[in-house]
């Protein structure tokens, strides 16, 4: 199998990253952009969508939880199920599945077909997001791995900043069904783009024999993996418990008008994009310190809102800080995971995305429960407490082992046992 899985067989230049390789990364980033926009678009067209399907807004909103839960399961299973299949083909098929799900949403005439369509979208989304980071590391030279992962995950951040507002604009102008139909067409085009732009990507090489025992150890027996996942569960749950209800927070505590809230959320998204790329660069060298810094930022932002929610200036600062910190979490957490299990990058990526998306669903559910039972202020303090717990887990638990650089052009790769191992691991590890 070595000949089938070595880097040279994929056509990737390991000395430098060519323009065409960056095109491949860009197509992958656009794919994550479309899958997350497909997941989140109901937020922007919730009222007309509910009216068109003759269901309540709450039922329409429930469709997001369905997609999140299906994505969590799919992202965890896909890396284990695709076996030796070409990852390029798997991604292209997943985009076609996503297109089918959006087409079903376009044709839905009631809650039943809506649920089916959101399940199909969850399957396509889980496959793309679950493989995107692992594939990104294989598309570029080792020294560009962190940037490639940041770009791939950047599509997720850009979906909130550009994708949902753009989809909402299309929905307002031409109807909510047209917005989902547009996403379906975009997914088909990107499926073709993935086949054209990506090289052949067979199953990543297994580690050399000396690492066989380590490779077969269950991932959760690696302390830094378990710590990282627990930290992510608490931190993402805290974020979404509060962020899902950020509009009521701003309306009730700050008294902001809808236009001001929209502008502030745009600021949040813009800072999120900055955080994504900054965290990717920092986490490539110091994953643990970067994730802990982001946890501090999220905790501080929520505490500032809880304490000074009536002060417009402080609220603006806290929202910007929140966007900056949370925007970097996905890529920094991903690099924590791949550095903790560098020889099982697809499996750890799928597990990470599954846990991440499950925490999104848990956070939204927990936030709604607290708001219904209490009010906005207890919600903020509860979210802040969860974020502090996440920070404590990261501070007192072990992080990924920092690996020495081999050359000025290399990334933080594990030390290979021989030249053949180098060929096998380059492009699949960070």
Protein backbone atom coordinates (compact mmCIF):
# COMPACT_ATOMS: atom_id res chain seq x y z
CA UNK A 1 0.00 0.00 0.00
CA UNK A 2 2.93 2.37 0.40
CA UNK A 3 3.01 3.08 -3.26
CA UNK A 4 -0.69 3.90 -3.20
CA UNK A 5 -0.55 6.32 -0.33
CA UNK A 6 2.73 8.16 -0.68
CA UNK A 7 2.66 11.87 -1.32
CA UNK A 8 4.30 11.62 -4.71
CA UNK A 9 1.44 9.43 -5.94
CA UNK A 10 -1.01 12.25 -5.19
CA UNK A 11 0.89 14.68 -7.39
CA UNK A 12 1.50 17.11 -4.53
CA UNK A 13 4.68 19.18 -4.50
CA UNK A 14 6.10 18.82 -0.98
CA UNK A 15 8.81 21.47 -1.44
CA UNK A 16 6.52 24.40 -2.21
CA UNK A 17 2.84 25.11 -2.73
CA UNK A 18 1.93 25.87 -6.33
CA UNK A 19 -0.88 28.20 -7.42
CA UNK A 20 -2.98 25.23 -8.52
CA UNK A 21 -2.64 23.68 -5.07
CA UNK A 22 -4.01 26.91 -3.59
CA UNK A 23 -6.90 26.70 -6.08
CA UNK A 24 -7.68 23.25 -4.66
CA UNK A 25 -7.67 24.69 -1.12
CA UNK A 26 -9.95 27.53 -2.27
CA UNK A 27 -12.47 25.07 -3.76
CA UNK A 28 -12.40 23.11 -0.50
CA UNK A 29 -12.98 26.32 1.47
CA UNK A 30 -15.93 27.24 -0.76
CA UNK A 31 -17.34 23.78 -0.10
CA UNK A 32 -17.27 24.26 3.67
CA UNK A 33 -18.79 27.71 3.11
CA UNK A 34 -21.74 26.23 1.23
CA UNK A 35 -22.34 23.35 3.67
CA UNK A 36 -22.45 25.64 6.71
CA UNK A 37 -24.58 28.22 4.88
CA UNK A 38 -26.99 25.36 4.07
CA UNK A 39 -27.12 24.49 7.76
CA UNK A 40 -27.63 28.04 9.04
CA UNK A 41 -29.81 29.61 6.30
CA UNK A 42 -33.11 28.81 8.09
CA UNK A 43 -32.08 31.42 10.69
CA UNK A 44 -32.25 34.15 8.06
CA UNK A 45 -35.50 33.02 6.38
CA UNK A 46 -37.24 31.51 9.39
CA UNK A 47 -40.51 33.48 9.27
CA UNK A 48 -41.31 33.18 5.52
CA UNK A 49 -40.13 29.58 5.58
CA UNK A 50 -42.48 28.74 8.45
CA UNK A 51 -45.35 30.53 6.73
CA UNK A 52 -44.68 28.74 3.44
CA UNK A 53 -44.63 25.33 5.11
CA UNK A 54 -47.61 26.20 7.35
CA UNK A 55 -45.69 25.33 10.50
CA UNK A 56 -44.66 27.33 13.56
CA UNK A 57 -41.35 29.24 13.63
CA UNK A 58 -40.28 26.96 16.49
CA UNK A 59 -40.78 23.88 14.32
CA UNK A 60 -38.85 25.49 11.47
CA UNK A 61 -36.04 26.36 13.87
CA UNK A 62 -35.96 22.78 15.13
CA UNK A 63 -34.67 21.82 11.69
CA UNK A 64 -31.28 23.28 12.65
CA UNK A 65 -30.98 20.88 15.58
CA UNK A 66 -31.79 17.96 13.28
CA UNK A 67 -29.02 18.94 10.89
CA UNK A 68 -26.54 19.45 13.72
CA UNK A 69 -27.19 16.06 15.28
CA UNK A 70 -26.99 14.21 11.95
CA UNK A 71 -23.76 16.07 11.14
CA UNK A 72 -22.28 15.04 14.50
CA UNK A 73 -22.90 11.36 13.77
CA UNK A 74 -21.87 11.49 10.11
CA UNK A 75 -18.63 13.39 10.71
CA UNK A 76 -17.54 10.76 13.23
CA UNK A 77 -18.41 7.77 11.04
CA UNK A 78 -17.35 8.87 7.55
CA UNK A 79 -13.54 8.61 8.05
CA UNK A 80 -14.02 5.04 9.29
CA UNK A 81 -16.44 4.02 6.56
CA UNK A 82 -14.82 5.37 3.39
CA UNK A 83 -11.86 2.96 3.64
CA UNK A 84 -9.56 3.12 0.61
CA UNK A 85 -11.89 5.35 -1.45
CA UNK A 86 -10.44 8.43 -3.11
CA UNK A 87 -11.21 11.34 -0.75
CA UNK A 88 -11.70 13.63 -3.74
CA UNK A 89 -14.57 11.42 -4.92
CA UNK A 90 -16.03 11.16 -1.40
CA UNK A 91 -16.11 14.96 -1.08
CA UNK A 92 -17.69 15.38 -4.52
CA UNK A 93 -20.41 12.82 -3.74
CA UNK A 94 -21.04 14.53 -0.38
CA UNK A 95 -21.60 17.82 -2.18
CA UNK A 96 -24.10 16.13 -4.49
CA UNK A 97 -25.88 14.78 -1.40
CA UNK A 98 -25.93 18.31 0.01
CA UNK A 99 -27.40 19.56 -3.27
CA UNK A 100 -30.13 16.94 -3.03
CA UNK A 101 -30.93 17.99 0.52
CA UNK A 102 -31.27 21.64 -0.46
CA UNK A 103 -33.42 20.64 -3.44
CA UNK A 104 -35.70 18.70 -1.09
CA UNK A 105 -35.98 21.75 1.16
CA UNK A 106 -36.92 23.80 -1.90
CA UNK A 107 -39.70 21.32 -2.73
CA UNK A 108 -40.90 20.76 0.86
CA UNK A 109 -44.60 21.31 1.47
CA UNK A 110 -44.71 20.47 5.15
CA UNK A 111 -42.74 19.51 8.24
CA UNK A 112 -42.22 15.87 7.22
CA UNK A 113 -40.31 16.55 4.01
CA UNK A 114 -38.45 19.39 5.74
CA UNK A 115 -37.12 16.92 8.32
CA UNK A 116 -36.05 14.51 5.58
CA UNK A 117 -34.29 17.29 3.70
CA UNK A 118 -32.43 18.46 6.80
CA UNK A 119 -31.29 14.89 7.52
CA UNK A 120 -29.90 14.63 3.98
CA UNK A 121 -28.16 18.00 4.40
CA UNK A 122 -26.66 16.76 7.67
CA UNK A 123 -25.19 13.71 5.95
CA UNK A 124 -23.56 15.80 3.22
CA UNK A 125 -22.38 18.43 5.67
CA UNK A 126 -20.88 15.88 8.06
CA UNK A 127 -18.91 14.19 5.30
CA UNK A 128 -17.49 17.46 3.93
CA UNK A 129 -16.70 19.11 7.25
CA UNK A 130 -15.41 15.85 8.73
CA UNK A 131 -12.83 15.43 5.95
CA UNK A 132 -12.05 19.04 5.04
CA UNK A 133 -9.24 19.72 7.51
CA UNK A 134 -7.60 16.36 6.93
CA UNK A 135 -7.70 16.84 3.16
CA UNK A 136 -6.42 20.43 3.43
CA UNK A 137 -3.21 19.22 5.08
CA UNK A 138 -2.56 16.98 2.08
CA UNK A 139 -3.00 19.67 -0.56
CA UNK A 140 -0.03 21.91 0.31
CA UNK A 141 3.62 21.83 1.26
CA UNK A 142 4.29 21.14 4.97
CA UNK A 143 5.18 24.74 5.79
CA UNK A 144 1.73 25.88 4.54
CA UNK A 145 -0.35 23.35 6.43
CA UNK A 146 -1.61 25.76 9.12
CA UNK A 147 -2.70 28.31 6.51
CA UNK A 148 -4.43 25.63 4.43
CA UNK A 149 -6.40 24.40 7.45
CA UNK A 150 -7.29 28.00 8.34
CA UNK A 151 -8.59 28.56 4.81
CA UNK A 152 -10.61 25.34 4.83
CA UNK A 153 -12.15 26.19 8.21
CA UNK A 154 -12.43 29.82 7.12
CA UNK A 155 -15.34 28.78 4.94
CA UNK A 156 -17.21 27.94 8.14
CA UNK A 157 -16.59 31.40 9.58
CA UNK A 158 -17.38 33.13 6.29
CA UNK A 159 -20.76 31.39 6.15
CA UNK A 160 -21.92 33.40 9.16
CA UNK A 161 -20.48 36.69 7.88
CA UNK A 162 -21.44 36.43 4.20
CA UNK A 163 -23.37 33.23 3.50
CA UNK A 164 -26.41 33.66 5.73
CA UNK A 165 -26.88 37.40 4.97
CA UNK A 166 -26.51 36.72 1.24
CA UNK A 167 -28.98 33.83 1.41
CA UNK A 168 -31.36 36.04 3.37
CA UNK A 169 -31.09 38.72 0.67
CA UNK A 170 -31.92 36.17 -2.04
CA UNK A 171 -34.80 34.88 0.08
CA UNK A 172 -36.20 38.38 0.60
CA UNK A 173 -35.91 39.25 -3.09
CA UNK A 174 -37.02 36.01 -4.74
CA UNK A 175 -38.53 33.87 -1.97
CA UNK A 176 -37.02 31.48 0.56
CA UNK A 177 -37.24 28.53 -1.82
CA UNK A 178 -35.02 30.38 -4.31
CA UNK A 179 -32.36 30.75 -1.60
CA UNK A 180 -32.20 26.99 -1.03
CA UNK A 181 -32.32 26.32 -4.77
CA UNK A 182 -29.29 28.59 -5.20
CA UNK A 183 -27.39 26.59 -2.60
CA UNK A 184 -28.33 23.38 -4.38
CA UNK A 185 -26.92 24.69 -7.67
CA UNK A 186 -23.76 25.94 -5.95
CA UNK A 187 -23.20 22.52 -4.37
CA UNK A 188 -23.41 20.81 -7.77
CA UNK A 189 -20.88 23.24 -9.25
CA UNK A 190 -18.51 22.69 -6.32
CA UNK A 191 -18.81 18.92 -6.69
CA UNK A 192 -17.47 19.33 -10.22
CA UNK A 193 -14.86 21.80 -8.96
CA UNK A 194 -13.57 19.32 -6.38
CA UNK A 195 -13.13 16.64 -9.04
CA UNK A 196 -11.24 19.05 -11.27
CA UNK A 197 -9.09 20.91 -8.74
CA UNK A 198 -8.13 18.24 -6.20
CA UNK A 199 -5.53 15.56 -6.92
CA UNK A 200 -6.22 11.88 -6.36
CA UNK A 201 -6.34 11.41 -2.58
CA UNK A 202 -6.25 7.76 -1.52
CA UNK A 203 -6.46 6.72 2.12
CA UNK A 204 -3.62 8.36 4.12
CA UNK A 205 -0.60 6.18 4.76
CA UNK A 206 -0.46 4.11 7.91
CA UNK A 207 2.41 4.91 10.27
CA UNK A 208 5.53 2.81 10.17
CA UNK A 209 5.67 -0.48 12.02
CA UNK A 210 7.30 0.99 15.09
CA UNK A 211 4.19 3.12 15.61
CA UNK A 212 1.64 0.38 14.97
CA UNK A 213 0.73 -0.11 18.64
CA UNK A 214 0.25 3.62 19.14
CA UNK A 215 -1.86 3.89 16.03
CA UNK A 216 -4.26 1.17 17.20
CA UNK A 217 -4.78 2.64 20.65
CA UNK A 218 -8.30 4.08 21.00
CA UNK A 219 -8.12 7.81 20.45
CA UNK A 220 -9.79 8.58 23.77
CA UNK A 221 -6.93 6.84 25.60
CA UNK A 222 -4.66 9.66 24.47
CA UNK A 223 -4.86 12.13 27.36
CA UNK A 224 -4.47 15.28 25.26
CA UNK A 225 -7.25 14.11 22.91
CA UNK A 226 -9.66 13.54 25.79
CA UNK A 227 -8.76 16.85 27.43
CA UNK A 228 -9.16 18.71 24.15
CA UNK A 229 -12.56 17.19 23.43
CA UNK A 230 -13.88 17.87 26.95
CA UNK A 231 -12.65 21.46 26.69
CA UNK A 232 -14.40 21.85 23.33
CA UNK A 233 -17.67 20.43 24.67
CA UNK A 234 -17.80 22.92 27.55
CA UNK A 235 -16.58 25.91 25.53
CA UNK A 236 -18.77 25.40 22.44
CA UNK A 237 -21.79 24.64 24.62
CA UNK A 238 -21.13 27.85 26.57
CA UNK A 239 -20.77 29.85 23.37
CA UNK A 240 -23.94 28.65 21.68
CA UNK A 241 -26.01 28.77 24.86
CA UNK A 242 -25.33 32.52 24.97
CA UNK A 243 -24.86 33.37 21.29
CA UNK A 244 -28.11 31.76 20.15
CA UNK A 245 -29.89 34.40 22.22
CA UNK A 246 -27.53 37.31 21.60
CA UNK A 247 -30.25 39.32 19.85
CA UNK A 248 -32.63 39.22 22.84
CA UNK A 249 -29.65 40.10 25.06
CA UNK A 250 -28.89 43.19 23.00
CA UNK A 251 -32.54 44.18 22.73
CA UNK A 252 -33.43 43.75 26.40
CA UNK A 253 -30.25 44.91 28.12
CA UNK A 254 -28.83 47.47 25.69
CA UNK A 255 -32.03 48.61 23.99
CA UNK A 256 -30.46 48.47 20.53
CA UNK A 257 -32.52 48.88 17.36
CA UNK A 258 -32.57 46.03 14.81
CA UNK A 259 -30.27 47.94 12.44
CA UNK A 260 -27.66 48.49 15.15
CA UNK A 261 -27.83 44.84 16.17
CA UNK A 262 -27.28 43.74 12.56
CA UNK A 263 -24.24 46.02 12.32
CA UNK A 264 -22.84 44.71 15.59
CA UNK A 265 -23.27 41.11 14.45
CA UNK A 266 -21.43 42.00 11.25
CA UNK A 267 -18.59 43.31 13.44
CA UNK A 268 -18.70 40.00 15.31
CA UNK A 269 -18.37 38.09 12.05
CA UNK A 270 -15.55 40.27 10.71
CA UNK A 271 -13.53 39.81 13.89
CA UNK A 272 -14.32 36.10 13.67
CA UNK A 273 -12.59 35.89 10.30
CA UNK A 274 -9.54 37.67 11.73
CA UNK A 275 -9.52 35.28 14.68
CA UNK A 276 -9.71 32.27 12.39
CA UNK A 277 -6.50 33.08 10.52
CA UNK A 278 -4.62 34.48 13.50
CA UNK A 279 -5.40 31.42 15.61
CA UNK A 280 -4.40 29.08 12.79
CA UNK A 281 -0.95 30.66 12.58
CA UNK A 282 -0.45 30.63 16.37
CA UNK A 283 -1.89 27.17 17.03
CA UNK A 284 0.45 25.58 14.50
CA UNK A 285 3.24 26.31 16.99
CA UNK A 286 1.45 26.54 20.34
CA UNK A 287 -1.93 24.83 20.10
CA UNK A 288 -2.57 24.57 23.84
CA UNK A 289 -1.67 28.18 24.62
CA UNK A 290 -3.78 29.40 21.69
CA UNK A 291 -6.89 27.44 22.70
CA UNK A 292 -6.55 28.58 26.31
CA UNK A 293 -6.24 32.20 25.17
CA UNK A 294 -9.41 31.81 23.13
CA UNK A 295 -11.20 30.32 26.14
CA UNK A 296 -10.16 33.35 28.19
CA UNK A 297 -11.48 35.64 25.45
CA UNK A 298 -14.87 33.91 25.23
CA UNK A 299 -15.22 33.86 29.04
CA UNK A 300 -14.31 37.54 29.32
CA UNK A 301 -16.71 38.56 26.54
CA UNK A 302 -19.68 36.81 28.17
CA UNK A 303 -18.80 38.20 31.62
CA UNK A 304 -18.58 41.72 30.18
CA UNK A 305 -22.06 41.31 28.69
CA UNK A 306 -23.41 40.03 31.99
CA UNK A 307 -21.87 42.89 34.01
CA UNK A 308 -22.13 45.82 31.58
CA UNK A 309 -24.93 44.83 29.21
CA UNK A 310 -26.51 48.28 29.46
CA UNK A 311 -23.34 50.09 28.32
CA UNK A 312 -23.27 50.32 24.53
CA UNK A 313 -19.52 50.95 24.31
CA UNK A 314 -18.62 47.97 26.51
CA UNK A 315 -21.10 45.79 24.63
CA UNK A 316 -19.40 46.70 21.35
CA UNK A 317 -15.99 45.74 22.74
CA UNK A 318 -17.31 42.48 24.18
CA UNK A 319 -18.98 41.47 20.91
CA UNK A 320 -15.76 42.18 18.95
CA UNK A 321 -13.72 40.20 21.50
CA UNK A 322 -16.26 37.37 21.37
CA UNK A 323 -16.03 37.18 17.58
CA UNK A 324 -12.23 37.27 17.64
CA UNK A 325 -12.01 34.49 20.24
CA UNK A 326 -14.70 32.18 18.95
CA UNK A 327 -13.67 32.72 15.33
CA UNK A 328 -10.32 31.09 16.09
CA UNK A 329 -11.64 28.20 18.15
CA UNK A 330 -12.53 25.78 15.37
CA UNK A 331 -9.14 25.86 13.63
CA UNK A 332 -7.13 26.02 16.89
CA UNK A 333 -9.04 23.07 18.32
CA UNK A 334 -8.53 21.18 15.07
CA UNK A 335 -4.76 21.72 15.26
CA UNK A 336 -4.79 20.61 18.92
CA UNK A 337 -6.43 17.36 17.80
CA UNK A 338 -4.18 16.65 14.83
CA UNK A 339 -1.07 17.35 16.88
CA UNK A 340 -2.35 14.97 19.55
CA UNK A 341 -2.94 12.13 17.06
CA UNK A 342 -0.86 12.96 13.96
CA UNK A 343 -0.96 9.42 12.54
CA UNK A 344 -4.77 9.20 12.63
CA UNK A 345 -5.63 12.57 11.19
CA UNK A 346 -8.86 11.57 9.41
CA UNK A 347 -10.27 9.73 12.41
CA UNK A 348 -9.40 12.49 14.87
CA UNK A 349 -10.82 15.14 12.53
CA UNK A 350 -14.10 13.27 12.19
CA UNK A 351 -14.32 12.73 15.96
CA UNK A 352 -13.56 16.39 16.60
CA UNK A 353 -16.17 17.69 14.15
CA UNK A 354 -18.74 15.26 15.57
CA UNK A 355 -18.13 16.47 19.12
CA UNK A 356 -18.08 20.11 17.99
CA UNK A 357 -21.42 19.94 16.16
CA UNK A 358 -23.04 17.94 18.98
CA UNK A 359 -21.93 20.68 21.39
CA UNK A 360 -23.58 23.27 19.11
CA UNK A 361 -26.90 21.43 19.40
CA UNK A 362 -26.44 21.01 23.17
CA UNK A 363 -25.65 24.70 23.64
CA UNK A 364 -28.71 25.87 21.71
CA UNK A 365 -30.94 23.47 23.67
CA UNK A 366 -29.42 24.44 27.03
CA UNK A 367 -29.73 28.15 26.27
CA UNK A 368 -33.39 27.80 25.38
CA UNK A 369 -34.08 25.81 28.53
CA UNK A 370 -32.46 28.42 30.79
CA UNK A 371 -34.17 31.33 29.04
CA UNK A 372 -37.57 29.66 29.40
CA UNK A 373 -37.00 28.73 33.05
CA UNK A 374 -35.25 31.92 34.17
CA UNK A 375 -34.17 34.89 32.03
CA UNK A 376 -31.36 36.36 29.97
CA UNK A 377 -29.07 37.28 32.86
CA UNK A 378 -28.93 33.77 34.39
CA UNK A 379 -28.25 32.48 30.88
CA UNK A 380 -25.17 34.69 30.54
CA UNK A 381 -23.80 33.70 33.93
CA UNK A 382 -24.43 30.01 33.22
CA UNK A 383 -22.59 30.29 29.90
CA UNK A 384 -19.73 32.14 31.57
CA UNK A 385 -19.47 29.39 34.20
CA UNK A 386 -19.27 26.71 31.49
CA UNK A 387 -16.55 28.68 29.70
CA UNK A 388 -14.53 28.94 32.92
CA UNK A 389 -14.87 25.18 33.44
CA UNK A 390 -13.52 24.68 29.91
CA UNK A 391 -10.58 26.94 30.72
CA UNK A 392 -9.85 24.98 33.91
CA UNK A 393 -9.90 21.69 31.98
CA UNK A 394 -7.33 23.07 29.55
CA UNK A 395 -5.12 24.58 32.25
CA UNK A 396 -4.90 21.47 34.43
CA UNK A 397 -5.01 18.82 31.70
CA UNK A 398 -2.23 17.92 29.27
CA UNK A 399 -2.11 19.45 25.82
CA UNK A 400 -0.58 18.12 22.60
CA UNK A 401 3.15 17.48 22.64
CA UNK A 402 5.05 20.18 20.87
CA UNK A 403 7.13 18.62 18.11
CA UNK A 404 10.49 20.02 16.99
CA UNK A 405 10.92 21.57 13.57
CA UNK A 406 13.05 19.52 11.22
CA UNK A 407 13.95 22.27 8.73
CA UNK A 408 13.05 25.85 8.07
CA UNK A 409 10.45 24.70 5.55
CA UNK A 410 8.80 22.04 7.67
CA UNK A 411 5.79 22.20 9.91
CA UNK A 412 5.50 20.57 13.31
CA UNK A 413 5.72 17.04 11.98
CA UNK A 414 6.46 13.95 14.07
CA UNK A 415 10.02 12.78 13.77
CA UNK A 416 10.02 10.07 11.07
CA UNK A 417 11.91 6.82 11.52
CA UNK A 418 13.33 6.85 8.03
CA UNK A 419 13.09 8.49 4.64
CA UNK A 420 10.17 6.30 3.56
CA UNK A 421 8.24 7.32 6.64
CA UNK A 422 8.85 10.94 5.77
CA UNK A 423 7.26 10.43 2.33
CA UNK A 424 4.28 8.73 3.93
CA UNK A 425 3.61 11.25 6.68
CA UNK A 426 4.34 14.54 4.89
CA UNK A 427 1.08 16.21 3.90
CA UNK A 428 -1.04 14.18 6.29
CA UNK A 429 0.23 15.50 9.61
CA UNK A 430 0.47 18.95 11.09
